[in-house]
């Protein structure tokens, strides 16, 4: 499963690395939006869950991953800029669906509030409109470590908080990745976190009011940082919202264990392609009846 790779020019300001996993069997395209400090690599498991049912698009923000070599990093990107980049990519790839993870929910909400004409459904995972006590502690320690370029503690912080339910192998990968980011990436993350701590959270909810498509919010049962309970506050603002909780898993959902991966895939497909789920159920019921008749 090799993607088509391209580095796209966004309004003459940014160059964005993209991967397009094309499927001859698919009639819809979904674009995935990374979380903070993450790259396309982080979605390896999610791509397997969605392809070949969908064409799948991955991309790195201009400051991260395989995009960063193509950009100058002269100023920080705001959530509004990240939302505009997402809108451009939605149009370029003619994407009907959006799936965001964690901090990627900010760009997704900003973009969806503009009501892009192509998008039919969206999934926002591991995101909440609330900075609760555990999240505030995580963010405040994070902004301190990032500001001091304390690489060891940045890596350790991620694994001991939002990543604490990850398998040991993933924790080692996380630590290696996060503790070896470029200085401008630390600066960007510091900027993101400072924005989150200082901004009025109502801005996300005001933007959410403008979203007019079905949105599924998914959170992990054990995720105390972006909890399923807090995410349900979006139901007061997104008029066509639904909610799912992945049992026995934390912030990283499908990366944490096989059952969580299967449950995440089922939740996504049931929401994005309900007709396929219904057909599979009818087929299963028919097979059961046939077996009983035999």
C-alpha atoms as a PDB file:
ATOM      1  CA  UNK A   1       0.000   0.000   0.000  1.00  0.00           C
ATOM      2  CA  UNK A   2       2.150   2.822  -1.332  1.00  0.00           C
ATOM      3  CA  UNK A   3       0.810   6.381  -1.239  1.00  0.00           C
ATOM      4  CA  UNK A   4       1.043   9.000  -3.951  1.00  0.00           C
ATOM      5  CA  UNK A   5       3.351  11.642  -2.473  1.00  0.00           C
ATOM      6  CA  UNK A   6       3.254  15.356  -3.282  1.00  0.00           C
ATOM      7  CA  UNK A   7       4.440  18.608  -1.730  1.00  0.00           C
ATOM      8  CA  UNK A   8       1.709  21.148  -2.369  1.00  0.00           C
ATOM      9  CA  UNK A   9       1.923  24.925  -2.496  1.00  0.00           C
ATOM     10  CA  UNK A  10      -0.692  26.573  -0.277  1.00  0.00           C
ATOM     11  CA  UNK A  11      -1.445  30.120  -1.475  1.00  0.00           C
ATOM     12  CA  UNK A  12       2.250  30.757  -2.136  1.00  0.00           C
ATOM     13  CA  UNK A  13       2.959  30.829   1.620  1.00  0.00           C
ATOM     14  CA  UNK A  14       3.397  27.239   2.749  1.00  0.00           C
ATOM     15  CA  UNK A  15       4.586  23.960   1.310  1.00  0.00           C
ATOM     16  CA  UNK A  16       2.766  20.915   2.649  1.00  0.00           C
ATOM     17  CA  UNK A  17       3.871  17.296   2.345  1.00  0.00           C
ATOM     18  CA  UNK A  18       0.946  14.974   1.547  1.00  0.00           C
ATOM     19  CA  UNK A  19       0.321  11.260   1.160  1.00  0.00           C
ATOM     20  CA  UNK A  20      -2.672  10.047  -0.848  1.00  0.00           C
ATOM     21  CA  UNK A  21      -3.700   6.415  -0.402  1.00  0.00           C
ATOM     22  CA  UNK A  22      -5.886   5.779  -3.428  1.00  0.00           C
ATOM     23  CA  UNK A  23      -8.372   2.911  -3.537  1.00  0.00           C
ATOM     24  CA  UNK A  24     -10.183   1.717  -6.654  1.00  0.00           C
ATOM     25  CA  UNK A  25     -12.922   0.354  -4.390  1.00  0.00           C
ATOM     26  CA  UNK A  26     -13.566   3.685  -2.642  1.00  0.00           C
ATOM     27  CA  UNK A  27     -16.145   6.299  -3.588  1.00  0.00           C
ATOM     28  CA  UNK A  28     -15.252   8.757  -0.791  1.00  0.00           C
ATOM     29  CA  UNK A  29     -12.056  10.461   0.377  1.00  0.00           C
ATOM     30  CA  UNK A  30     -11.162  11.207   3.997  1.00  0.00           C
ATOM     31  CA  UNK A  31      -8.450  13.602   5.169  1.00  0.00           C
ATOM     32  CA  UNK A  32      -6.734  13.054   8.542  1.00  0.00           C
ATOM     33  CA  UNK A  33      -5.569  15.941  10.738  1.00  0.00           C
ATOM     34  CA  UNK A  34      -2.587  15.361  13.063  1.00  0.00           C
ATOM     35  CA  UNK A  35      -2.390  16.153  16.737  1.00  0.00           C
ATOM     36  CA  UNK A  36       0.281  18.351  18.314  1.00  0.00           C
ATOM     37  CA  UNK A  37       3.895  17.224  17.744  1.00  0.00           C
ATOM     38  CA  UNK A  38       2.609  14.400  15.505  1.00  0.00           C
ATOM     39  CA  UNK A  39       3.302  13.573  11.852  1.00  0.00           C
ATOM     40  CA  UNK A  40       1.782  11.358   9.167  1.00  0.00           C
ATOM     41  CA  UNK A  41       3.530   8.385  10.794  1.00  0.00           C
ATOM     42  CA  UNK A  42       1.169   8.658  13.763  1.00  0.00           C
ATOM     43  CA  UNK A  43      -1.771   7.662  11.575  1.00  0.00           C
ATOM     44  CA  UNK A  44      -0.260   4.377  10.329  1.00  0.00           C
ATOM     45  CA  UNK A  45      -2.817   2.273  12.201  1.00  0.00           C
ATOM     46  CA  UNK A  46      -5.741   4.521  11.269  1.00  0.00           C
ATOM     47  CA  UNK A  47      -4.899   4.284   7.565  1.00  0.00           C
ATOM     48  CA  UNK A  48      -5.103   0.483   7.794  1.00  0.00           C
ATOM     49  CA  UNK A  49      -8.538   0.812   9.387  1.00  0.00           C
ATOM     50  CA  UNK A  50      -9.876   3.132   6.680  1.00  0.00           C
ATOM     51  CA  UNK A  51      -8.220   1.864   3.503  1.00  0.00           C
ATOM     52  CA  UNK A  52      -9.438   0.487   1.071  1.00  0.00           C
ATOM     53  CA  UNK A  53     -12.970   1.515   2.109  1.00  0.00           C
ATOM     54  CA  UNK A  54     -11.837   5.116   1.568  1.00  0.00           C
ATOM     55  CA  UNK A  55      -9.205   7.073  -0.261  1.00  0.00           C
ATOM     56  CA  UNK A  56      -7.106   8.438   2.612  1.00  0.00           C
ATOM     57  CA  UNK A  57      -5.129  11.704   2.733  1.00  0.00           C
ATOM     58  CA  UNK A  58      -2.409  12.417   5.304  1.00  0.00           C
ATOM     59  CA  UNK A  59      -0.363  15.589   5.623  1.00  0.00           C
ATOM     60  CA  UNK A  60       2.269  17.242   7.790  1.00  0.00           C
ATOM     61  CA  UNK A  61       1.821  20.782   9.047  1.00  0.00           C
ATOM     62  CA  UNK A  62       4.356  23.208   7.481  1.00  0.00           C
ATOM     63  CA  UNK A  63       6.502  23.187  10.643  1.00  0.00           C
ATOM     64  CA  UNK A  64       6.532  19.393  11.117  1.00  0.00           C
ATOM     65  CA  UNK A  65       7.549  16.063   9.648  1.00  0.00           C
ATOM     66  CA  UNK A  66       8.366  15.989   5.946  1.00  0.00           C
ATOM     67  CA  UNK A  67       6.920  19.459   5.384  1.00  0.00           C
ATOM     68  CA  UNK A  68       9.420  21.322   7.556  1.00  0.00           C
ATOM     69  CA  UNK A  69      12.325  21.065   5.078  1.00  0.00           C
ATOM     70  CA  UNK A  70      10.216  22.960   2.517  1.00  0.00           C
ATOM     71  CA  UNK A  71       9.337  25.954   4.746  1.00  0.00           C
ATOM     72  CA  UNK A  72      11.235  28.860   6.351  1.00  0.00           C
ATOM     73  CA  UNK A  73       9.567  28.889   9.819  1.00  0.00           C
ATOM     74  CA  UNK A  74       9.695  32.659  10.110  1.00  0.00           C
ATOM     75  CA  UNK A  75       6.546  32.952  12.228  1.00  0.00           C
ATOM     76  CA  UNK A  76       4.181  30.790  14.241  1.00  0.00           C
ATOM     77  CA  UNK A  77       1.047  29.289  12.735  1.00  0.00           C
ATOM     78  CA  UNK A  78      -2.243  30.112  14.411  1.00  0.00           C
ATOM     79  CA  UNK A  79      -5.198  27.732  14.602  1.00  0.00           C
ATOM     80  CA  UNK A  80      -6.913  29.886  11.958  1.00  0.00           C
ATOM     81  CA  UNK A  81      -4.016  29.402   9.535  1.00  0.00           C
ATOM     82  CA  UNK A  82      -4.030  25.661  10.184  1.00  0.00           C
ATOM     83  CA  UNK A  83      -7.767  25.688   9.510  1.00  0.00           C
ATOM     84  CA  UNK A  84      -7.218  27.501   6.213  1.00  0.00           C
ATOM     85  CA  UNK A  85      -4.549  24.990   5.174  1.00  0.00           C
ATOM     86  CA  UNK A  86      -7.013  22.185   5.891  1.00  0.00           C
ATOM     87  CA  UNK A  87      -9.675  23.896   3.769  1.00  0.00           C
ATOM     88  CA  UNK A  88      -7.227  24.146   0.866  1.00  0.00           C
ATOM     89  CA  UNK A  89      -6.368  20.454   1.148  1.00  0.00           C
ATOM     90  CA  UNK A  90     -10.035  19.457   1.363  1.00  0.00           C
ATOM     91  CA  UNK A  91     -10.629  21.271  -1.910  1.00  0.00           C
ATOM     92  CA  UNK A  92      -7.487  19.919  -3.604  1.00  0.00           C
ATOM     93  CA  UNK A  93      -8.260  16.277  -2.789  1.00  0.00           C
ATOM     94  CA  UNK A  94     -12.052  16.676  -3.080  1.00  0.00           C
ATOM     95  CA  UNK A  95     -12.438  15.155   0.391  1.00  0.00           C
ATOM     96  CA  UNK A  96     -15.919  14.316   1.654  1.00  0.00           C
ATOM     97  CA  UNK A  97     -14.836  13.425   5.194  1.00  0.00           C
ATOM     98  CA  UNK A  98     -12.498  14.814   7.868  1.00  0.00           C
ATOM     99  CA  UNK A  99     -11.000  12.941  10.819  1.00  0.00           C
ATOM    100  CA  UNK A 100      -8.976  14.854  13.417  1.00  0.00           C
ATOM    101  CA  UNK A 101      -6.997  13.716  16.423  1.00  0.00           C
ATOM    102  CA  UNK A 102      -6.356  15.712  19.631  1.00  0.00           C
ATOM    103  CA  UNK A 103      -5.003  19.233  18.863  1.00  0.00           C
ATOM    104  CA  UNK A 104      -6.001  18.643  15.228  1.00  0.00           C
ATOM    105  CA  UNK A 105      -9.554  19.218  16.443  1.00  0.00           C
ATOM    106  CA  UNK A 106      -8.867  22.958  16.563  1.00  0.00           C
ATOM    107  CA  UNK A 107      -8.007  23.124  12.857  1.00  0.00           C
ATOM    108  CA  UNK A 108     -10.932  20.834  12.044  1.00  0.00           C
ATOM    109  CA  UNK A 109     -13.479  22.958  13.909  1.00  0.00           C
ATOM    110  CA  UNK A 110     -12.124  26.183  12.382  1.00  0.00           C
ATOM    111  CA  UNK A 111     -12.341  24.642   8.909  1.00  0.00           C
ATOM    112  CA  UNK A 112     -15.754  23.012   9.358  1.00  0.00           C
ATOM    113  CA  UNK A 113     -17.189  26.294  10.668  1.00  0.00           C
ATOM    114  CA  UNK A 114     -16.572  27.678   7.162  1.00  0.00           C
ATOM    115  CA  UNK A 115     -18.935  25.012   5.831  1.00  0.00           C
ATOM    116  CA  UNK A 116     -16.731  23.645   3.047  1.00  0.00           C
ATOM    117  CA  UNK A 117     -19.047  22.579   0.260  1.00  0.00           C
ATOM    118  CA  UNK A 118     -17.553  19.124  -0.262  1.00  0.00           C
ATOM    119  CA  UNK A 119     -17.459  17.844   3.296  1.00  0.00           C
ATOM    120  CA  UNK A 120     -20.348  15.568   4.290  1.00  0.00           C
ATOM    121  CA  UNK A 121     -19.279  14.177   7.692  1.00  0.00           C
ATOM    122  CA  UNK A 122     -16.500  14.666  10.235  1.00  0.00           C
ATOM    123  CA  UNK A 123     -15.033  12.761  13.163  1.00  0.00           C
ATOM    124  CA  UNK A 124     -13.260  14.631  15.962  1.00  0.00           C
ATOM    125  CA  UNK A 125     -11.349  12.309  18.272  1.00  0.00           C
ATOM    126  CA  UNK A 126      -9.650  12.870  21.640  1.00  0.00           C
ATOM    127  CA  UNK A 127     -10.690  16.510  21.820  1.00  0.00           C
ATOM    128  CA  UNK A 128     -12.706  18.534  24.316  1.00  0.00           C
ATOM    129  CA  UNK A 129     -13.802  22.163  24.724  1.00  0.00           C
ATOM    130  CA  UNK A 130     -12.755  22.045  28.377  1.00  0.00           C
ATOM    131  CA  UNK A 131      -9.335  22.515  29.986  1.00  0.00           C
ATOM    132  CA  UNK A 132      -9.917  20.395  33.065  1.00  0.00           C
ATOM    133  CA  UNK A 133      -7.475  20.020  35.970  1.00  0.00           C
ATOM    134  CA  UNK A 134      -5.395  17.142  34.494  1.00  0.00           C
ATOM    135  CA  UNK A 135      -5.139  18.907  31.124  1.00  0.00           C
ATOM    136  CA  UNK A 136      -4.176  22.220  32.724  1.00  0.00           C
ATOM    137  CA  UNK A 137      -1.403  20.514  34.694  1.00  0.00           C
ATOM    138  CA  UNK A 138      -0.152  18.835  31.498  1.00  0.00           C
ATOM    139  CA  UNK A 139      -0.212  22.086  29.521  1.00  0.00           C
ATOM    140  CA  UNK A 140       1.428  24.201  32.229  1.00  0.00           C
ATOM    141  CA  UNK A 141       4.281  21.747  32.667  1.00  0.00           C
ATOM    142  CA  UNK A 142       4.553  21.415  28.902  1.00  0.00           C
ATOM    143  CA  UNK A 143       4.858  25.137  28.259  1.00  0.00           C
ATOM    144  CA  UNK A 144       7.610  25.320  30.900  1.00  0.00           C
ATOM    145  CA  UNK A 145       9.630  22.413  29.461  1.00  0.00           C
ATOM    146  CA  UNK A 146       9.195  23.589  25.875  1.00  0.00           C
ATOM    147  CA  UNK A 147      10.215  27.144  26.751  1.00  0.00           C
ATOM    148  CA  UNK A 148      13.421  25.818  28.339  1.00  0.00           C
ATOM    149  CA  UNK A 149      14.101  23.316  25.515  1.00  0.00           C
ATOM    150  CA  UNK A 150      14.076  20.595  28.162  1.00  0.00           C
ATOM    151  CA  UNK A 151      13.936  17.698  25.725  1.00  0.00           C
ATOM    152  CA  UNK A 152      14.066  14.896  28.269  1.00  0.00           C
ATOM    153  CA  UNK A 153      11.169  16.239  30.305  1.00  0.00           C
ATOM    154  CA  UNK A 154       9.069  16.988  27.218  1.00  0.00           C
ATOM    155  CA  UNK A 155       9.388  13.370  26.118  1.00  0.00           C
ATOM    156  CA  UNK A 156       8.768  12.043  29.604  1.00  0.00           C
ATOM    157  CA  UNK A 157       5.754  14.339  30.108  1.00  0.00           C
ATOM    158  CA  UNK A 158       3.927  13.019  27.045  1.00  0.00           C
ATOM    159  CA  UNK A 159       4.453   9.385  28.040  1.00  0.00           C
ATOM    160  CA  UNK A 160       3.494   9.866  31.686  1.00  0.00           C
ATOM    161  CA  UNK A 161       0.270  11.774  30.952  1.00  0.00           C
ATOM    162  CA  UNK A 162      -1.718  11.530  27.716  1.00  0.00           C
ATOM    163  CA  UNK A 163       0.425   8.592  26.567  1.00  0.00           C
ATOM    164  CA  UNK A 164       0.412   6.584  29.785  1.00  0.00           C
ATOM    165  CA  UNK A 165      -1.798   3.814  28.349  1.00  0.00           C
ATOM    166  CA  UNK A 166       0.396   3.265  25.270  1.00  0.00           C
ATOM    167  CA  UNK A 167       2.377   0.024  24.893  1.00  0.00           C
ATOM    168  CA  UNK A 168       6.063   0.241  25.863  1.00  0.00           C
ATOM    169  CA  UNK A 169       7.206   0.146  22.216  1.00  0.00           C
ATOM    170  CA  UNK A 170       5.056   3.148  21.332  1.00  0.00           C
ATOM    171  CA  UNK A 171       6.287   5.010  24.394  1.00  0.00           C
ATOM    172  CA  UNK A 172       9.877   4.511  23.259  1.00  0.00           C
ATOM    173  CA  UNK A 173       8.993   5.781  19.795  1.00  0.00           C
ATOM    174  CA  UNK A 174       7.137   8.751  21.309  1.00  0.00           C
ATOM    175  CA  UNK A 175      10.059   9.690  23.533  1.00  0.00           C
ATOM    176  CA  UNK A 176      12.566   9.457  20.695  1.00  0.00           C
ATOM    177  CA  UNK A 177      10.371  11.537  18.400  1.00  0.00           C
ATOM    178  CA  UNK A 178       9.313  14.233  20.863  1.00  0.00           C
ATOM    179  CA  UNK A 179      12.748  14.694  22.460  1.00  0.00           C
ATOM    180  CA  UNK A 180      14.425  15.166  19.065  1.00  0.00           C
ATOM    181  CA  UNK A 181      12.201  17.791  17.483  1.00  0.00           C
ATOM    182  CA  UNK A 182      13.746  20.888  15.922  1.00  0.00           C
ATOM    183  CA  UNK A 183      13.914  24.067  17.990  1.00  0.00           C
ATOM    184  CA  UNK A 184      11.302  25.783  15.823  1.00  0.00           C
ATOM    185  CA  UNK A 185       8.917  22.863  16.484  1.00  0.00           C
ATOM    186  CA  UNK A 186       9.310  23.376  20.208  1.00  0.00           C
ATOM    187  CA  UNK A 187       8.603  27.055  19.624  1.00  0.00           C
ATOM    188  CA  UNK A 188       5.462  26.214  17.674  1.00  0.00           C
ATOM    189  CA  UNK A 189       4.242  23.826  20.373  1.00  0.00           C
ATOM    190  CA  UNK A 190       4.980  26.456  23.026  1.00  0.00           C
ATOM    191  CA  UNK A 191       2.890  28.906  21.006  1.00  0.00           C
ATOM    192  CA  UNK A 192       0.027  26.404  20.643  1.00  0.00           C
ATOM    193  CA  UNK A 193      -0.084  25.618  24.344  1.00  0.00           C
ATOM    194  CA  UNK A 194       0.145  29.274  25.345  1.00  0.00           C
ATOM    195  CA  UNK A 195      -2.780  29.974  23.043  1.00  0.00           C
ATOM    196  CA  UNK A 196      -4.801  27.215  24.666  1.00  0.00           C
ATOM    197  CA  UNK A 197      -4.056  28.423  28.181  1.00  0.00           C
ATOM    198  CA  UNK A 198      -4.715  32.092  27.439  1.00  0.00           C
ATOM    199  CA  UNK A 199      -7.601  31.923  24.990  1.00  0.00           C
ATOM    200  CA  UNK A 200     -11.305  32.002  25.669  1.00  0.00           C
ATOM    201  CA  UNK A 201     -12.524  28.432  25.129  1.00  0.00           C
ATOM    202  CA  UNK A 202     -15.837  29.880  24.026  1.00  0.00           C
ATOM    203  CA  UNK A 203     -14.226  30.597  20.662  1.00  0.00           C
ATOM    204  CA  UNK A 204     -14.308  26.868  19.812  1.00  0.00           C
ATOM    205  CA  UNK A 205     -17.926  26.632  20.846  1.00  0.00           C
ATOM    206  CA  UNK A 206     -18.916  29.707  18.844  1.00  0.00           C
ATOM    207  CA  UNK A 207     -17.213  28.215  15.791  1.00  0.00           C
ATOM    208  CA  UNK A 208     -18.875  24.856  16.470  1.00  0.00           C
ATOM    209  CA  UNK A 209     -22.307  26.524  16.208  1.00  0.00           C
ATOM    210  CA  UNK A 210     -21.598  27.149  12.516  1.00  0.00           C
ATOM    211  CA  UNK A 211     -20.997  23.489  11.693  1.00  0.00           C
ATOM    212  CA  UNK A 212     -23.931  22.125   9.720  1.00  0.00           C
ATOM    213  CA  UNK A 213     -22.861  18.534   8.954  1.00  0.00           C
ATOM    214  CA  UNK A 214     -23.011  15.378  11.111  1.00  0.00           C
ATOM    215  CA  UNK A 215     -20.044  15.205  13.504  1.00  0.00           C
ATOM    216  CA  UNK A 216     -19.025  12.218  15.615  1.00  0.00           C
ATOM    217  CA  UNK A 217     -16.949  12.937  18.715  1.00  0.00           C
ATOM    218  CA  UNK A 218     -14.895   9.965  19.913  1.00  0.00           C
ATOM    219  CA  UNK A 219     -13.000   9.789  23.212  1.00  0.00           C
ATOM    220  CA  UNK A 220     -11.341   7.087  25.254  1.00  0.00           C
ATOM    221  CA  UNK A 221     -13.004   5.789  28.414  1.00  0.00           C
ATOM    222  CA  UNK A 222      -9.758   6.231  30.381  1.00  0.00           C
ATOM    223  CA  UNK A 223      -8.793   9.601  28.874  1.00  0.00           C
ATOM    224  CA  UNK A 224      -8.881  12.044  31.783  1.00  0.00           C
ATOM    225  CA  UNK A 225      -7.337  14.857  29.689  1.00  0.00           C
ATOM    226  CA  UNK A 226      -9.966  15.105  26.955  1.00  0.00           C
ATOM    227  CA  UNK A 227     -12.714  13.157  28.634  1.00  0.00           C
ATOM    228  CA  UNK A 228     -15.800  11.722  26.978  1.00  0.00           C
ATOM    229  CA  UNK A 229     -17.948  13.612  29.492  1.00  0.00           C
ATOM    230  CA  UNK A 230     -16.349  16.957  28.641  1.00  0.00           C
ATOM    231  CA  UNK A 231     -16.590  16.291  24.893  1.00  0.00           C
ATOM    232  CA  UNK A 232     -20.371  15.947  25.210  1.00  0.00           C
ATOM    233  CA  UNK A 233     -20.561  19.699  25.804  1.00  0.00           C
ATOM    234  CA  UNK A 234     -20.171  20.017  22.034  1.00  0.00           C
ATOM    235  CA  UNK A 235     -23.687  18.575  21.778  1.00  0.00           C
ATOM    236  CA  UNK A 236     -25.090  21.917  22.883  1.00  0.00           C
ATOM    237  CA  UNK A 237     -23.411  23.643  19.926  1.00  0.00           C
ATOM    238  CA  UNK A 238     -23.058  21.184  17.022  1.00  0.00           C
ATOM    239  CA  UNK A 239     -26.672  20.601  16.060  1.00  0.00           C
ATOM    240  CA  UNK A 240     -26.048  17.241  14.371  1.00  0.00           C
ATOM    241  CA  UNK A 241     -23.607  15.677  16.803  1.00  0.00           C
ATOM    242  CA  UNK A 242     -23.158  12.160  18.130  1.00  0.00           C
ATOM    243  CA  UNK A 243     -20.740  10.701  20.644  1.00  0.00           C
ATOM    244  CA  UNK A 244     -18.772   7.507  21.048  1.00  0.00           C
ATOM    245  CA  UNK A 245     -16.568   6.180  23.836  1.00  0.00           C
ATOM    246  CA  UNK A 246     -13.892   3.574  23.143  1.00  0.00           C
ATOM    247  CA  UNK A 247     -13.830   1.279  26.135  1.00  0.00           C
ATOM    248  CA  UNK A 248     -10.686   0.512  28.160  1.00  0.00           C
ATOM    249  CA  UNK A 249      -8.493   2.997  26.300  1.00  0.00           C
ATOM    250  CA  UNK A 250      -6.975   6.425  26.870  1.00  0.00           C
ATOM    251  CA  UNK A 251      -6.087   9.430  24.732  1.00  0.00           C
ATOM    252  CA  UNK A 252      -4.416   7.568  21.842  1.00  0.00           C
ATOM    253  CA  UNK A 253      -7.350   5.268  21.092  1.00  0.00           C
ATOM    254  CA  UNK A 254      -6.478   2.820  18.267  1.00  0.00           C
ATOM    255  CA  UNK A 255      -2.756   2.894  19.070  1.00  0.00           C
ATOM    256  CA  UNK A 256      -3.171   1.499  22.576  1.00  0.00           C
ATOM    257  CA  UNK A 257      -4.235  -2.120  21.989  1.00  0.00           C
ATOM    258  CA  UNK A 258      -5.885  -4.406  19.448  1.00  0.00           C
ATOM    259  CA  UNK A 259      -9.388  -4.292  20.925  1.00  0.00           C
ATOM    260  CA  UNK A 260      -9.296  -0.473  20.945  1.00  0.00           C
ATOM    261  CA  UNK A 261      -8.132  -0.539  17.322  1.00  0.00           C
ATOM    262  CA  UNK A 262     -11.040  -2.796  16.318  1.00  0.00           C
ATOM    263  CA  UNK A 263     -13.560  -0.746  18.301  1.00  0.00           C
ATOM    264  CA  UNK A 264     -12.244   2.511  16.800  1.00  0.00           C
ATOM    265  CA  UNK A 265     -12.521   1.098  13.288  1.00  0.00           C
ATOM    266  CA  UNK A 266     -16.073  -0.094  13.933  1.00  0.00           C
ATOM    267  CA  UNK A 267     -17.076   3.320  15.293  1.00  0.00           C
ATOM    268  CA  UNK A 268     -15.618   5.114  12.265  1.00  0.00           C
ATOM    269  CA  UNK A 269     -17.113   2.820   9.631  1.00  0.00           C
ATOM    270  CA  UNK A 270     -20.517   2.700  11.361  1.00  0.00           C
ATOM    271  CA  UNK A 271     -20.671   6.495  11.279  1.00  0.00           C
ATOM    272  CA  UNK A 272     -19.123   7.179   7.880  1.00  0.00           C
ATOM    273  CA  UNK A 273     -20.638   4.219   5.996  1.00  0.00           C
ATOM    274  CA  UNK A 274     -23.744   3.096   7.905  1.00  0.00           C
ATOM    275  CA  UNK A 275     -25.093   1.334   4.829  1.00  0.00           C
ATOM    276  CA  UNK A 276     -22.048  -0.958   4.769  1.00  0.00           C
ATOM    277  CA  UNK A 277     -22.554  -1.811   8.448  1.00  0.00           C
ATOM    278  CA  UNK A 278     -26.238  -2.558   7.808  1.00  0.00           C
ATOM    279  CA  UNK A 279     -25.423  -4.775   4.823  1.00  0.00           C
ATOM    280  CA  UNK A 280     -22.833  -6.680   6.852  1.00  0.00           C
ATOM    281  CA  UNK A 281     -25.380  -7.214   9.630  1.00  0.00           C
ATOM    282  CA  UNK A 282     -28.022  -8.481   7.169  1.00  0.00           C
ATOM    283  CA  UNK A 283     -25.451 -10.800   5.602  1.00  0.00           C
ATOM    284  CA  UNK A 284     -24.466 -12.129   9.036  1.00  0.00           C
ATOM    285  CA  UNK A 285     -28.126 -12.681   9.967  1.00  0.00           C
ATOM    286  CA  UNK A 286     -28.741 -14.518   6.692  1.00  0.00           C
ATOM    287  CA  UNK A 287     -25.745 -16.774   7.254  1.00  0.00           C
ATOM    288  CA  UNK A 288     -26.936 -17.551  10.768  1.00  0.00           C
ATOM    289  CA  UNK A 289     -30.431 -18.414   9.551  1.00  0.00           C
ATOM    290  CA  UNK A 290     -28.999 -20.621   6.796  1.00  0.00           C
ATOM    291  CA  UNK A 291     -26.797 -22.413   9.279  1.00  0.00           C
ATOM    292  CA  UNK A 292     -29.805 -23.076  11.526  1.00  0.00           C
ATOM    293  CA  UNK A 293     -31.779 -24.452   8.583  1.00  0.00           C
ATOM    294  CA  UNK A 294     -28.954 -26.827   7.737  1.00  0.00           C
END
